[in-house]
């Protein structure tokens, strides 16, 4: 008889946060060290910045694929990778 996963009935625990962080860091296609994983109520929040929307989607897909029972909120912004269009004045 299958036992229900204890993590699906309650808030994520510290071990789960560490597992998601390790997945993002050690996965060969992602290898992302700039994303932090934080617990918020009954979900995990992924925070940080990446260079493209595609990279953000890949990170989210990877986490949801490996941890489907955990609600995930994404607070990953995009960093500007293009040269500035304005001259910055230093005073």
PDB file of N, CA and C in Angstrom:
ATOM      1  N   UNK A   1       0.835  -1.169   0.000  1.00  0.00           N
ATOM      2  CA  UNK A   1       0.000   0.000   0.000  1.00  0.00           C
ATOM      3  C   UNK A   1       0.883   1.236   0.000  1.00  0.00           C
ATOM      4  N   UNK A   2       0.574   2.202  -0.844  1.00  0.00           N
ATOM      5  CA  UNK A   2       1.365   3.422  -0.939  1.00  0.00           C
ATOM      6  C   UNK A   2       1.014   4.387   0.180  1.00  0.00           C
ATOM      7  N   UNK A   3       2.037   4.944   0.788  1.00  0.00           N
ATOM      8  CA  UNK A   3       1.859   5.958   1.812  1.00  0.00           C
ATOM      9  C   UNK A   3       1.872   7.323   1.141  1.00  0.00           C
ATOM     10  N   UNK A   4       0.999   8.253   1.553  1.00  0.00           N
ATOM     11  CA  UNK A   4       1.047   9.589   0.983  1.00  0.00           C
ATOM     12  C   UNK A   4       2.337  10.289   1.376  1.00  0.00           C
ATOM     13  N   UNK A   5       2.814  11.148   0.523  1.00  0.00           N
ATOM     14  CA  UNK A   5       4.022  11.911   0.792  1.00  0.00           C
ATOM     15  C   UNK A   5       3.719  12.934   1.874  1.00  0.00           C
ATOM     16  N   UNK A   6       4.440  12.889   2.976  1.00  0.00           N
ATOM     17  CA  UNK A   6       4.178  13.788   4.099  1.00  0.00           C
ATOM     18  C   UNK A   6       4.377  15.247   3.709  1.00  0.00           C
ATOM     19  N   UNK A   7       5.250  15.513   2.755  1.00  0.00           N
ATOM     20  CA  UNK A   7       5.510  16.897   2.363  1.00  0.00           C
ATOM     21  C   UNK A   7       4.328  17.520   1.642  1.00  0.00           C
ATOM     22  N   UNK A   8       3.465  16.715   1.032  1.00  0.00           N
ATOM     23  CA  UNK A   8       2.352  17.277   0.279  1.00  0.00           C
ATOM     24  C   UNK A   8       1.234  17.774   1.183  1.00  0.00           C
ATOM     25  N   UNK A   9       1.201  17.341   2.449  1.00  0.00           N
ATOM     26  CA  UNK A   9       0.115  17.733   3.326  1.00  0.00           C
ATOM     27  C   UNK A   9       0.456  18.923   4.208  1.00  0.00           C
ATOM     28  N   UNK A  10       1.684  19.347   4.261  1.00  0.00           N
ATOM     29  CA  UNK A  10       2.064  20.454   5.117  1.00  0.00           C
ATOM     30  C   UNK A  10       3.022  21.388   4.415  1.00  0.00           C
ATOM     31  N   UNK A  11       3.481  22.366   5.140  1.00  0.00           N
ATOM     32  CA  UNK A  11       4.413  23.311   4.531  1.00  0.00           C
ATOM     33  C   UNK A  11       5.745  22.641   4.203  1.00  0.00           C
ATOM     34  N   UNK A  12       6.448  23.156   3.210  1.00  0.00           N
ATOM     35  CA  UNK A  12       7.762  22.598   2.875  1.00  0.00           C
ATOM     36  C   UNK A  12       8.699  22.689   4.075  1.00  0.00           C
ATOM     37  N   UNK A  13       9.568  21.713   4.226  1.00  0.00           N
ATOM     38  CA  UNK A  13      10.501  21.740   5.341  1.00  0.00           C
ATOM     39  C   UNK A  13      11.890  22.175   4.873  1.00  0.00           C
ATOM     40  N   UNK A  14      12.794  22.321   5.832  1.00  0.00           N
ATOM     41  CA  UNK A  14      14.149  22.793   5.515  1.00  0.00           C
ATOM     42  C   UNK A  14      14.883  21.849   4.577  1.00  0.00           C
ATOM     43  N   UNK A  15      14.635  20.567   4.693  1.00  0.00           N
ATOM     44  CA  UNK A  15      15.303  19.617   3.820  1.00  0.00           C
ATOM     45  C   UNK A  15      14.874  19.807   2.371  1.00  0.00           C
ATOM     46  N   UNK A  16      13.625  20.132   2.175  1.00  0.00           N
ATOM     47  CA  UNK A  16      13.120  20.357   0.824  1.00  0.00           C
ATOM     48  C   UNK A  16      13.757  21.601   0.213  1.00  0.00           C
ATOM     49  N   UNK A  17      13.882  22.666   0.994  1.00  0.00           N
ATOM     50  CA  UNK A  17      14.553  23.874   0.504  1.00  0.00           C
ATOM     51  C   UNK A  17      15.969  23.547   0.043  1.00  0.00           C
ATOM     52  N   UNK A  18      16.680  22.787   0.848  1.00  0.00           N
ATOM     53  CA  UNK A  18      18.054  22.416   0.511  1.00  0.00           C
ATOM     54  C   UNK A  18      18.092  21.531  -0.732  1.00  0.00           C
ATOM     55  N   UNK A  19      17.125  20.641  -0.872  1.00  0.00           N
ATOM     56  CA  UNK A  19      17.079  19.756  -2.034  1.00  0.00           C
ATOM     57  C   UNK A  19      16.844  20.550  -3.315  1.00  0.00           C
ATOM     58  N   UNK A  20      15.949  21.539  -3.266  1.00  0.00           N
ATOM     59  CA  UNK A  20      15.694  22.369  -4.448  1.00  0.00           C
ATOM     60  C   UNK A  20      16.935  23.189  -4.779  1.00  0.00           C
ATOM     61  N   UNK A  21      17.569  23.769  -3.771  1.00  0.00           N
ATOM     62  CA  UNK A  21      18.792  24.559  -3.992  1.00  0.00           C
ATOM     63  C   UNK A  21      19.882  23.695  -4.612  1.00  0.00           C
ATOM     64  N   UNK A  22      20.024  22.476  -4.099  1.00  0.00           N
ATOM     65  CA  UNK A  22      21.039  21.549  -4.631  1.00  0.00           C
ATOM     66  C   UNK A  22      20.715  21.175  -6.078  1.00  0.00           C
ATOM     67  N   UNK A  23      19.444  20.942  -6.382  1.00  0.00           N
ATOM     68  CA  UNK A  23      19.033  20.621  -7.747  1.00  0.00           C
ATOM     69  C   UNK A  23      19.431  21.749  -8.703  1.00  0.00           C
ATOM     70  N   UNK A  24      19.130  22.985  -8.325  1.00  0.00           N
ATOM     71  CA  UNK A  24      19.448  24.115  -9.198  1.00  0.00           C
ATOM     72  C   UNK A  24      20.947  24.286  -9.386  1.00  0.00           C
ATOM     73  N   UNK A  25      21.699  24.019  -8.351  1.00  0.00           N
ATOM     74  CA  UNK A  25      23.153  24.191  -8.419  1.00  0.00           C
ATOM     75  C   UNK A  25      23.835  23.057  -9.168  1.00  0.00           C
ATOM     76  N   UNK A  26      23.387  21.820  -8.954  1.00  0.00           N
ATOM     77  CA  UNK A  26      24.102  20.662  -9.485  1.00  0.00           C
ATOM     78  C   UNK A  26      23.572  20.143 -10.808  1.00  0.00           C
ATOM     79  N   UNK A  27      22.395  20.565 -11.255  1.00  0.00           N
ATOM     80  CA  UNK A  27      21.844  20.082 -12.524  1.00  0.00           C
ATOM     81  C   UNK A  27      22.736  20.592 -13.663  1.00  0.00           C
ATOM     82  N   UNK A  28      23.179  19.697 -14.522  1.00  0.00           N
ATOM     83  CA  UNK A  28      24.164  20.057 -15.546  1.00  0.00           C
ATOM     84  C   UNK A  28      23.664  21.084 -16.560  1.00  0.00           C
ATOM     85  N   UNK A  29      22.377  21.087 -16.854  1.00  0.00           N
ATOM     86  CA  UNK A  29      21.861  22.034 -17.839  1.00  0.00           C
ATOM     87  C   UNK A  29      21.524  23.397 -17.238  1.00  0.00           C
ATOM     88  N   UNK A  30      21.347  23.463 -15.927  1.00  0.00           N
ATOM     89  CA  UNK A  30      20.978  24.725 -15.282  1.00  0.00           C
ATOM     90  C   UNK A  30      22.165  25.311 -14.530  1.00  0.00           C
ATOM     91  N   UNK A  31      22.744  24.553 -13.606  1.00  0.00           N
ATOM     92  CA  UNK A  31      23.893  24.976 -12.807  1.00  0.00           C
ATOM     93  C   UNK A  31      23.752  26.423 -12.341  1.00  0.00           C
ATOM     94  N   UNK A  32      22.638  26.716 -11.687  1.00  0.00           N
ATOM     95  CA  UNK A  32      22.318  28.092 -11.283  1.00  0.00           C
ATOM     96  C   UNK A  32      22.586  28.289  -9.803  1.00  0.00           C
ATOM     97  N   UNK A  33      23.546  29.167  -9.481  1.00  0.00           N
ATOM     98  CA  UNK A  33      23.879  29.444  -8.096  1.00  0.00           C
ATOM     99  C   UNK A  33      23.259  30.749  -7.608  1.00  0.00           C
ATOM    100  N   UNK A  34      22.688  31.531  -8.505  1.00  0.00           N
ATOM    101  CA  UNK A  34      22.160  32.836  -8.147  1.00  0.00           C
ATOM    102  C   UNK A  34      20.701  32.845  -7.737  1.00  0.00           C
ATOM    103  N   UNK A  35      20.085  31.694  -7.616  1.00  0.00           N
ATOM    104  CA  UNK A  35      18.686  31.612  -7.213  1.00  0.00           C
ATOM    105  C   UNK A  35      18.623  31.134  -5.774  1.00  0.00           C
ATOM    106  N   UNK A  36      17.870  31.850  -4.952  1.00  0.00           N
ATOM    107  CA  UNK A  36      17.675  31.420  -3.576  1.00  0.00           C
ATOM    108  C   UNK A  36      16.290  30.799  -3.440  1.00  0.00           C
ATOM    109  N   UNK A  37      16.187  29.891  -2.504  1.00  0.00           N
ATOM    110  CA  UNK A  37      14.931  29.193  -2.243  1.00  0.00           C
ATOM    111  C   UNK A  37      14.514  29.541  -0.826  1.00  0.00           C
ATOM    112  N   UNK A  38      13.315  30.105  -0.688  1.00  0.00           N
ATOM    113  CA  UNK A  38      12.827  30.504   0.631  1.00  0.00           C
ATOM    114  C   UNK A  38      11.450  29.916   0.873  1.00  0.00           C
ATOM    115  N   UNK A  39      11.181  29.593   2.120  1.00  0.00           N
ATOM    116  CA  UNK A  39       9.882  29.066   2.504  1.00  0.00           C
ATOM    117  C   UNK A  39       8.951  30.236   2.808  1.00  0.00           C
ATOM    118  N   UNK A  40       7.743  30.178   2.286  1.00  0.00           N
ATOM    119  CA  UNK A  40       6.719  31.178   2.602  1.00  0.00           C
ATOM    120  C   UNK A  40       5.392  30.457   2.734  1.00  0.00           C
ATOM    121  N   UNK A  41       4.895  30.375   3.964  1.00  0.00           N
ATOM    122  CA  UNK A  41       3.659  29.668   4.291  1.00  0.00           C
ATOM    123  C   UNK A  41       3.710  28.243   3.748  1.00  0.00           C
ATOM    124  N   UNK A  42       2.843  27.888   2.806  1.00  0.00           N
ATOM    125  CA  UNK A  42       2.782  26.507   2.308  1.00  0.00           C
ATOM    126  C   UNK A  42       3.419  26.360   0.936  1.00  0.00           C
ATOM    127  N   UNK A  43       4.354  27.235   0.601  1.00  0.00           N
ATOM    128  CA  UNK A  43       4.994  27.146  -0.717  1.00  0.00           C
ATOM    129  C   UNK A  43       6.456  27.541  -0.612  1.00  0.00           C
ATOM    130  N   UNK A  44       7.156  27.336  -1.711  1.00  0.00           N
ATOM    131  CA  UNK A  44       8.533  27.787  -1.828  1.00  0.00           C
ATOM    132  C   UNK A  44       8.571  28.953  -2.798  1.00  0.00           C
ATOM    133  N   UNK A  45       9.458  29.896  -2.520  1.00  0.00           N
ATOM    134  CA  UNK A  45       9.625  31.047  -3.392  1.00  0.00           C
ATOM    135  C   UNK A  45      11.034  30.989  -3.963  1.00  0.00           C
ATOM    136  N   UNK A  46      11.122  31.051  -5.292  1.00  0.00           N
ATOM    137  CA  UNK A  46      12.415  31.106  -5.972  1.00  0.00           C
ATOM    138  C   UNK A  46      12.709  32.574  -6.250  1.00  0.00           C
ATOM    139  N   UNK A  47      13.831  33.081  -5.743  1.00  0.00           N
ATOM    140  CA  UNK A  47      14.193  34.494  -5.889  1.00  0.00           C
ATOM    141  C   UNK A  47      15.561  34.618  -6.556  1.00  0.00           C
ATOM    142  N   UNK A  48      15.725  35.686  -7.309  1.00  0.00           N
ATOM    143  CA  UNK A  48      17.012  35.964  -7.936  1.00  0.00           C
ATOM    144  C   UNK A  48      16.823  36.644  -9.267  1.00  0.00           C
ATOM    145  N   UNK A  49      17.873  36.635 -10.056  1.00  0.00           N
ATOM    146  CA  UNK A  49      17.840  37.226 -11.385  1.00  0.00           C
ATOM    147  C   UNK A  49      18.540  36.304 -12.368  1.00  0.00           C
ATOM    148  N   UNK A  50      17.991  36.253 -13.572  1.00  0.00           N
ATOM    149  CA  UNK A  50      18.585  35.471 -14.657  1.00  0.00           C
ATOM    150  C   UNK A  50      18.627  36.330 -15.910  1.00  0.00           C
ATOM    151  N   UNK A  51      19.322  35.848 -16.933  1.00  0.00           N
ATOM    152  CA  UNK A  51      19.534  36.658 -18.135  1.00  0.00           C
ATOM    153  C   UNK A  51      18.424  36.573 -19.172  1.00  0.00           C
ATOM    154  N   UNK A  52      17.484  35.635 -19.027  1.00  0.00           N
ATOM    155  CA  UNK A  52      16.426  35.541 -20.039  1.00  0.00           C
ATOM    156  C   UNK A  52      15.172  34.895 -19.459  1.00  0.00           C
ATOM    157  N   UNK A  53      14.049  35.172 -20.105  1.00  0.00           N
ATOM    158  CA  UNK A  53      12.784  34.559 -19.706  1.00  0.00           C
ATOM    159  C   UNK A  53      12.838  33.046 -19.924  1.00  0.00           C
ATOM    160  N   UNK A  54      13.547  32.614 -20.953  1.00  0.00           N
ATOM    161  CA  UNK A  54      13.676  31.180 -21.223  1.00  0.00           C
ATOM    162  C   UNK A  54      14.400  30.479 -20.073  1.00  0.00           C
ATOM    163  N   UNK A  55      15.425  31.120 -19.539  1.00  0.00           N
ATOM    164  CA  UNK A  55      16.169  30.530 -18.421  1.00  0.00           C
ATOM    165  C   UNK A  55      15.270  30.449 -17.194  1.00  0.00           C
ATOM    166  N   UNK A  56      14.485  31.477 -16.945  1.00  0.00           N
ATOM    167  CA  UNK A  56      13.551  31.477 -15.816  1.00  0.00           C
ATOM    168  C   UNK A  56      12.542  30.336 -15.967  1.00  0.00           C
ATOM    169  N   UNK A  57      12.023  30.150 -17.170  1.00  0.00           N
ATOM    170  CA  UNK A  57      11.062  29.069 -17.414  1.00  0.00           C
ATOM    171  C   UNK A  57      11.706  27.695 -17.246  1.00  0.00           C
ATOM    172  N   UNK A  58      12.952  27.556 -17.665  1.00  0.00           N
ATOM    173  CA  UNK A  58      13.663  26.280 -17.514  1.00  0.00           C
ATOM    174  C   UNK A  58      13.859  25.951 -16.038  1.00  0.00           C
ATOM    175  N   UNK A  59      14.195  26.953 -15.233  1.00  0.00           N
ATOM    176  CA  UNK A  59      14.365  26.747 -13.795  1.00  0.00           C
ATOM    177  C   UNK A  59      13.050  26.316 -13.176  1.00  0.00           C
ATOM    178  N   UNK A  60      11.977  26.996 -13.505  1.00  0.00           N
ATOM    179  CA  UNK A  60      10.667  26.653 -12.968  1.00  0.00           C
ATOM    180  C   UNK A  60      10.247  25.256 -13.403  1.00  0.00           C
ATOM    181  N   UNK A  61      10.444  24.930 -14.673  1.00  0.00           N
ATOM    182  CA  UNK A  61      10.082  23.607 -15.177  1.00  0.00           C
ATOM    183  C   UNK A  61      10.846  22.516 -14.428  1.00  0.00           C
ATOM    184  N   UNK A  62      12.137  22.733 -14.218  1.00  0.00           N
ATOM    185  CA  UNK A  62      12.982  21.753 -13.537  1.00  0.00           C
ATOM    186  C   UNK A  62      12.496  21.514 -12.106  1.00  0.00           C
ATOM    187  N   UNK A  63      12.209  22.583 -11.390  1.00  0.00           N
ATOM    188  CA  UNK A  63      11.763  22.450 -10.002  1.00  0.00           C
ATOM    189  C   UNK A  63      10.402  21.761  -9.948  1.00  0.00           C
ATOM    190  N   UNK A  64       9.484  22.156 -10.802  1.00  0.00           N
ATOM    191  CA  UNK A  64       8.146  21.555 -10.785  1.00  0.00           C
ATOM    192  C   UNK A  64       8.174  20.093 -11.227  1.00  0.00           C
ATOM    193  N   UNK A  65       9.109  19.752 -12.099  1.00  0.00           N
ATOM    194  CA  UNK A  65       9.245  18.361 -12.546  1.00  0.00           C
ATOM    195  C   UNK A  65       9.751  17.467 -11.420  1.00  0.00           C
ATOM    196  N   UNK A  66      10.714  17.961 -10.641  1.00  0.00           N
ATOM    197  CA  UNK A  66      11.303  17.159  -9.576  1.00  0.00           C
ATOM    198  C   UNK A  66      10.512  17.217  -8.270  1.00  0.00           C
ATOM    199  N   UNK A  67       9.738  18.259  -8.072  1.00  0.00           N
ATOM    200  CA  UNK A  67       8.970  18.425  -6.834  1.00  0.00           C
ATOM    201  C   UNK A  67       7.529  18.819  -7.167  1.00  0.00           C
ATOM    202  N   UNK A  68       6.781  17.930  -7.813  1.00  0.00           N
ATOM    203  CA  UNK A  68       5.431  18.284  -8.272  1.00  0.00           C
ATOM    204  C   UNK A  68       4.435  18.531  -7.137  1.00  0.00           C
ATOM    205  N   UNK A  69       4.705  18.025  -5.948  1.00  0.00           N
ATOM    206  CA  UNK A  69       3.778  18.172  -4.837  1.00  0.00           C
ATOM    207  C   UNK A  69       3.906  19.514  -4.132  1.00  0.00           C
ATOM    208  N   UNK A  70       4.894  20.325  -4.492  1.00  0.00           N
ATOM    209  CA  UNK A  70       5.170  21.574  -3.788  1.00  0.00           C
ATOM    210  C   UNK A  70       4.715  22.778  -4.606  1.00  0.00           C
ATOM    211  N   UNK A  71       3.875  23.639  -4.035  1.00  0.00           N
ATOM    212  CA  UNK A  71       3.524  24.881  -4.727  1.00  0.00           C
ATOM    213  C   UNK A  71       4.752  25.786  -4.793  1.00  0.00           C
ATOM    214  N   UNK A  72       4.995  26.357  -5.958  1.00  0.00           N
ATOM    215  CA  UNK A  72       6.180  27.193  -6.165  1.00  0.00           C
ATOM    216  C   UNK A  72       5.743  28.567  -6.655  1.00  0.00           C
ATOM    217  N   UNK A  73       6.272  29.589  -6.008  1.00  0.00           N
ATOM    218  CA  UNK A  73       6.063  30.970  -6.455  1.00  0.00           C
ATOM    219  C   UNK A  73       7.392  31.462  -7.018  1.00  0.00           C
ATOM    220  N   UNK A  74       7.326  32.240  -8.093  1.00  0.00           N
ATOM    221  CA  UNK A  74       8.547  32.678  -8.766  1.00  0.00           C
ATOM    222  C   UNK A  74       8.697  34.185  -8.623  1.00  0.00           C
ATOM    223  N   UNK A  75       9.833  34.585  -8.070  1.00  0.00           N
ATOM    224  CA  UNK A  75      10.185  35.995  -7.967  1.00  0.00           C
ATOM    225  C   UNK A  75      11.573  36.153  -8.590  1.00  0.00           C
ATOM    226  N   UNK A  76      11.688  35.693  -9.834  1.00  0.00           N
ATOM    227  CA  UNK A  76      12.953  35.739 -10.558  1.00  0.00           C
ATOM    228  C   UNK A  76      12.842  36.836 -11.600  1.00  0.00           C
ATOM    229  N   UNK A  77      13.687  37.842 -11.453  1.00  0.00           N
ATOM    230  CA  UNK A  77      13.687  38.947 -12.395  1.00  0.00           C
ATOM    231  C   UNK A  77      14.691  38.721 -13.511  1.00  0.00           C
ATOM    232  N   UNK A  78      14.619  39.579 -14.505  1.00  0.00           N
ATOM    233  CA  UNK A  78      15.550  39.519 -15.632  1.00  0.00           C
ATOM    234  C   UNK A  78      16.566  40.643 -15.499  1.00  0.00           C
ATOM    235  N   UNK A  79      17.832  40.282 -15.659  1.00  0.00           N
ATOM    236  CA  UNK A  79      18.867  41.303 -15.632  1.00  0.00           C
ATOM    237  C   UNK A  79      19.091  41.817 -17.038  1.00  0.00           C
ATOM    238  N   UNK A  80      19.483  43.053 -17.126  1.00  0.00           N
ATOM    239  CA  UNK A  80      19.733  43.642 -18.439  1.00  0.00           C
ATOM    240  C   UNK A  80      21.057  43.108 -18.964  1.00  0.00           C
ATOM    241  N   UNK A  81      21.018  42.540 -20.153  1.00  0.00           N
ATOM    242  CA  UNK A  81      22.237  41.987 -20.744  1.00  0.00           C
ATOM    243  C   UNK A  81      22.698  42.792 -21.950  1.00  0.00           C
ATOM    244  N   UNK A  82      21.970  43.856 -22.248  1.00  0.00           N
ATOM    245  CA  UNK A  82      22.342  44.694 -23.381  1.00  0.00           C
ATOM    246  C   UNK A  82      23.074  45.925 -22.887  1.00  0.00           C
ATOM    247  N   UNK A  83      23.823  46.552 -23.761  1.00  0.00           N
ATOM    248  CA  UNK A  83      24.546  47.771 -23.400  1.00  0.00           C
ATOM    249  C   UNK A  83      23.537  48.873 -23.105  1.00  0.00           C
ATOM    250  N   UNK A  84      23.860  49.757 -22.160  1.00  0.00           N
ATOM    251  CA  UNK A  84      22.950  50.858 -21.866  1.00  0.00           C
ATOM    252  C   UNK A  84      22.778  51.774 -23.080  1.00  0.00           C
ATOM    253  N   UNK A  85      21.598  52.354 -23.189  1.00  0.00           N
ATOM    254  CA  UNK A  85      21.332  53.251 -24.316  1.00  0.00           C
ATOM    255  C   UNK A  85      21.583  54.703 -23.937  1.00  0.00           C
ATOM    256  N   UNK A  86      21.745  54.991 -22.642  1.00  0.00           N
ATOM    257  CA  UNK A  86      21.984  56.344 -22.186  1.00  0.00           C
ATOM    258  C   UNK A  86      23.369  56.446 -21.564  1.00  0.00           C
ATOM    259  N   UNK A  87      23.922  57.640 -21.594  1.00  0.00           N
ATOM    260  CA  UNK A  87      25.218  57.878 -20.969  1.00  0.00           C
ATOM    261  C   UNK A  87      24.974  58.183 -19.504  1.00  0.00           C
ATOM    262  N   UNK A  88      25.725  57.526 -18.642  1.00  0.00           N
ATOM    263  CA  UNK A  88      25.599  57.781 -17.215  1.00  0.00           C
ATOM    264  C   UNK A  88      26.524  58.914 -16.824  1.00  0.00           C
ATOM    265  N   UNK A  89      25.981  59.921 -16.176  1.00  0.00           N
ATOM    266  CA  UNK A  89      26.791  61.052 -15.742  1.00  0.00           C
ATOM    267  C   UNK A  89      27.263  60.823 -14.336  1.00  0.00           C
ATOM    268  N   UNK A  90      28.563  60.945 -14.138  1.00  0.00           N
ATOM    269  CA  UNK A  90      29.147  60.818 -12.808  1.00  0.00           C
ATOM    270  C   UNK A  90      29.466  62.204 -12.295  1.00  0.00           C
ATOM    271  N   UNK A  91      29.098  62.497 -11.077  1.00  0.00           N
ATOM    272  CA  UNK A  91      29.356  63.831 -10.504  1.00  0.00           C
ATOM    273  C   UNK A  91      30.277  63.754  -9.344  1.00  0.00           C
TER     274      UNK A  91
END
